Each structure stands twice: as C-alpha cells, then as structure tokens.
C-alpha cells in the first residue's frame, strides 16, 4: 500500500534575485522572516517578488541594516524590479516578510542555507 502525504504550502513566499529585473541568481524563502542585511544574501538583493494568498501579508523595507531607520510597509503581492533607490532616502538594506497571524501556516522555511 502506498501512502500519499499532502505537502503544505507555506506563505508568504519571497523570491529574491541577485540582479535587477528578476535576473541572476535567485533564492526562495517561505514563511515569516527577517533579513537583517540584504547584502549578505546572494551578494546583494537587487529585485524581488513577494507572494501570498493573504491580501494582508506584509513586506517591510528598511533603509538601514538590522531593521533600522526609515521604512516602507507594503501589503499584498509585490514585484519590485529594482530595489536601488526604492526608498526616498536610499537603498533597501534590510526587510521583513510576514503573513497575517490568522493565516500564517506552520513554521518558516527557506530553500537554501547561508
């Protein structure tokens, strides 16, 4: 007898790219997470896609590492072709990706280790 186990899908999904316009190396993260220094991932994140089935899923972009200083809060699905100068006062240096507590799924996973 074969047992089939259903895989649970974890949201939100954040796919980051090493080049602008969703090119170059990429890494996919799932679940709630914070990246304190985006230059430490793929030698820098230049573009990203943020997806969730929950319209209240949140992406917070900060202009300094370790989630400091100026920030912008984005809700819902986003595709950002170029992170350079996305914020008024500078480049995105850290970010938080989160799902609403009511629909967070189980745990947090990413597809590659650093």
C-alpha atoms as a PDB file:
ATOM      1  CA  UNK A   1       0.000   0.000   0.000  1.00  0.00           C
ATOM      2  CA  UNK A   2       1.286   3.442  -0.935  1.00  0.00           C
ATOM      3  CA  UNK A   3       0.596   6.349   1.377  1.00  0.00           C
ATOM      4  CA  UNK A   4       0.483   9.788  -0.170  1.00  0.00           C
ATOM      5  CA  UNK A   5       1.223  12.640   2.136  1.00  0.00           C
ATOM      6  CA  UNK A   6      -0.071  16.085   1.192  1.00  0.00           C
ATOM      7  CA  UNK A   7       2.544  18.812   1.297  1.00  0.00           C
ATOM      8  CA  UNK A   8       1.513  22.009   2.971  1.00  0.00           C
ATOM      9  CA  UNK A   9       2.280  25.228   1.184  1.00  0.00           C
ATOM     10  CA  UNK A  10       3.762  27.917   3.387  1.00  0.00           C
ATOM     11  CA  UNK A  11       3.149  31.603   2.712  1.00  0.00           C
ATOM     12  CA  UNK A  12       4.256  34.230   2.243  1.00  0.00           C
ATOM     13  CA  UNK A  13       6.783  33.365  -0.442  1.00  0.00           C
ATOM     14  CA  UNK A  14       9.672  35.747  -1.038  1.00  0.00           C
ATOM     15  CA  UNK A  15      11.868  35.174  -4.081  1.00  0.00           C
ATOM     16  CA  UNK A  16      14.978  37.357  -4.262  1.00  0.00           C
ATOM     17  CA  UNK A  17      17.314  37.907  -7.222  1.00  0.00           C
ATOM     18  CA  UNK A  18      20.944  38.989  -7.460  1.00  0.00           C
ATOM     19  CA  UNK A  19      20.239  41.264 -10.453  1.00  0.00           C
ATOM     20  CA  UNK A  20      17.601  43.798 -11.433  1.00  0.00           C
ATOM     21  CA  UNK A  21      14.538  42.736 -13.442  1.00  0.00           C
ATOM     22  CA  UNK A  22      14.342  39.312 -11.746  1.00  0.00           C
ATOM     23  CA  UNK A  23      17.581  38.011 -13.275  1.00  0.00           C
ATOM     24  CA  UNK A  24      20.695  36.329 -11.997  1.00  0.00           C
ATOM     25  CA  UNK A  25      20.922  34.026  -9.012  1.00  0.00           C
ATOM     26  CA  UNK A  26      17.742  33.540  -7.047  1.00  0.00           C
ATOM     27  CA  UNK A  27      16.712  32.211  -3.671  1.00  0.00           C
ATOM     28  CA  UNK A  28      13.205  31.454  -2.412  1.00  0.00           C
ATOM     29  CA  UNK A  29      12.112  31.863   1.216  1.00  0.00           C
ATOM     30  CA  UNK A  30       8.802  30.739   2.715  1.00  0.00           C
ATOM     31  CA  UNK A  31       7.108  31.835   5.911  1.00  0.00           C
ATOM     32  CA  UNK A  32       7.719  34.752   8.227  1.00  0.00           C
ATOM     33  CA  UNK A  33      11.290  36.004   8.142  1.00  0.00           C
ATOM     34  CA  UNK A  34      13.613  38.922   8.508  1.00  0.00           C
ATOM     35  CA  UNK A  35      16.759  39.590   6.513  1.00  0.00           C
ATOM     36  CA  UNK A  36      18.919  41.920   8.612  1.00  0.00           C
ATOM     37  CA  UNK A  37      21.469  42.617   5.863  1.00  0.00           C
ATOM     38  CA  UNK A  38      20.382  42.037   2.260  1.00  0.00           C
ATOM     39  CA  UNK A  39      23.982  42.411   1.039  1.00  0.00           C
ATOM     40  CA  UNK A  40      24.736  39.110   2.813  1.00  0.00           C
ATOM     41  CA  UNK A  41      22.251  37.232   0.579  1.00  0.00           C
ATOM     42  CA  UNK A  42      23.357  36.387  -2.980  1.00  0.00           C
ATOM     43  CA  UNK A  43      25.992  39.149  -2.710  1.00  0.00           C
ATOM     44  CA  UNK A  44      23.093  41.596  -2.573  1.00  0.00           C
ATOM     45  CA  UNK A  45      19.412  41.519  -3.463  1.00  0.00           C
ATOM     46  CA  UNK A  46      18.603  43.697  -6.481  1.00  0.00           C
ATOM     47  CA  UNK A  47      14.983  42.670  -7.201  1.00  0.00           C
ATOM     48  CA  UNK A  48      12.273  40.572  -5.540  1.00  0.00           C
ATOM     49  CA  UNK A  49       8.834  39.015  -5.827  1.00  0.00           C
ATOM     50  CA  UNK A  50       6.591  38.745  -2.761  1.00  0.00           C
ATOM     51  CA  UNK A  51       3.529  36.489  -2.942  1.00  0.00           C
ATOM     52  CA  UNK A  52       0.855  35.379  -0.528  1.00  0.00           C
ATOM     53  CA  UNK A  53      -2.708  34.153  -0.718  1.00  0.00           C
ATOM     54  CA  UNK A  54      -3.487  36.569   2.114  1.00  0.00           C
ATOM     55  CA  UNK A  55      -4.013  40.171   0.937  1.00  0.00           C
ATOM     56  CA  UNK A  56      -2.798  41.402   4.354  1.00  0.00           C
ATOM     57  CA  UNK A  57       0.614  39.756   4.076  1.00  0.00           C
ATOM     58  CA  UNK A  58       3.244  42.391   4.747  1.00  0.00           C
ATOM     59  CA  UNK A  59       6.634  43.288   3.340  1.00  0.00           C
ATOM     60  CA  UNK A  60       8.574  45.954   5.273  1.00  0.00           C
ATOM     61  CA  UNK A  61      11.631  47.516   3.610  1.00  0.00           C
ATOM     62  CA  UNK A  62      14.224  49.429   5.674  1.00  0.00           C
ATOM     63  CA  UNK A  63      16.954  51.793   4.502  1.00  0.00           C
ATOM     64  CA  UNK A  64      19.497  50.541   7.073  1.00  0.00           C
ATOM     65  CA  UNK A  65      20.657  47.097   8.100  1.00  0.00           C
ATOM     66  CA  UNK A  66      19.179  45.363  11.158  1.00  0.00           C
ATOM     67  CA  UNK A  67      15.693  46.855  10.552  1.00  0.00           C
ATOM     68  CA  UNK A  68      16.585  50.455  11.453  1.00  0.00           C
ATOM     69  CA  UNK A  69      15.614  53.981  10.442  1.00  0.00           C
ATOM     70  CA  UNK A  70      13.278  54.802   7.560  1.00  0.00           C
ATOM     71  CA  UNK A  71      10.975  52.104   6.258  1.00  0.00           C
ATOM     72  CA  UNK A  72       8.007  51.495   3.997  1.00  0.00           C
ATOM     73  CA  UNK A  73       5.211  48.971   4.614  1.00  0.00           C
ATOM     74  CA  UNK A  74       3.796  47.149   1.589  1.00  0.00           C
ATOM     75  CA  UNK A  75       0.727  44.891   1.761  1.00  0.00           C
ATOM     76  CA  UNK A  76      -0.268  42.191  -0.683  1.00  0.00           C
ATOM     77  CA  UNK A  77       1.620  40.743  -3.623  1.00  0.00           C
ATOM     78  CA  UNK A  78       4.549  42.766  -4.962  1.00  0.00           C
ATOM     79  CA  UNK A  79       7.103  42.544  -7.737  1.00  0.00           C
ATOM     80  CA  UNK A  80       9.931  45.044  -7.402  1.00  0.00           C
ATOM     81  CA  UNK A  81      12.205  45.143 -10.454  1.00  0.00           C
ATOM     82  CA  UNK A  82      14.857  47.346  -8.850  1.00  0.00           C
ATOM     83  CA  UNK A  83      15.487  47.817  -5.129  1.00  0.00           C
ATOM     84  CA  UNK A  84      18.116  50.551  -5.619  1.00  0.00           C
ATOM     85  CA  UNK A  85      16.694  53.888  -4.510  1.00  0.00           C
ATOM     86  CA  UNK A  86      13.285  52.290  -3.826  1.00  0.00           C
ATOM     87  CA  UNK A  87      13.108  54.226  -0.587  1.00  0.00           C
ATOM     88  CA  UNK A  88      13.234  58.017  -0.599  1.00  0.00           C
ATOM     89  CA  UNK A  89      16.427  58.227   1.405  1.00  0.00           C
ATOM     90  CA  UNK A  90      18.381  55.348  -0.052  1.00  0.00           C
ATOM     91  CA  UNK A  91      18.625  51.713  -0.927  1.00  0.00           C
ATOM     92  CA  UNK A  92      16.846  48.862   0.805  1.00  0.00           C
ATOM     93  CA  UNK A  93      19.285  47.352   3.334  1.00  0.00           C
ATOM     94  CA  UNK A  94      17.029  45.003   5.361  1.00  0.00           C
ATOM     95  CA  UNK A  95      13.490  43.604   5.159  1.00  0.00           C
ATOM     96  CA  UNK A  96      10.768  41.718   6.984  1.00  0.00           C
ATOM     97  CA  UNK A  97       8.311  39.380   5.267  1.00  0.00           C
ATOM     98  CA  UNK A  98       5.267  38.269   7.250  1.00  0.00           C
ATOM     99  CA  UNK A  99       1.877  36.671   6.944  1.00  0.00           C
ATOM    100  CA  UNK A 100      -1.145  37.707   8.959  1.00  0.00           C
ATOM    101  CA  UNK A 101      -1.393  35.818  12.266  1.00  0.00           C
ATOM    102  CA  UNK A 102      -4.796  34.396  11.292  1.00  0.00           C
ATOM    103  CA  UNK A 103      -3.367  32.651   8.221  1.00  0.00           C
ATOM    104  CA  UNK A 104       0.308  32.136   8.964  1.00  0.00           C
ATOM    105  CA  UNK A 105       0.644  28.458   8.131  1.00  0.00           C
ATOM    106  CA  UNK A 106       3.084  26.253  10.012  1.00  0.00           C
ATOM    107  CA  UNK A 107       6.614  27.443  10.571  1.00  0.00           C
ATOM    108  CA  UNK A 108       9.083  29.178   8.334  1.00  0.00           C
ATOM    109  CA  UNK A 109      11.295  27.640   5.665  1.00  0.00           C
ATOM    110  CA  UNK A 110      13.766  28.704   3.038  1.00  0.00           C
ATOM    111  CA  UNK A 111      15.140  26.723   0.129  1.00  0.00           C
ATOM    112  CA  UNK A 112      18.830  27.436   0.627  1.00  0.00           C
ATOM    113  CA  UNK A 113      21.134  27.760   3.634  1.00  0.00           C
ATOM    114  CA  UNK A 114      23.634  30.572   4.133  1.00  0.00           C
END
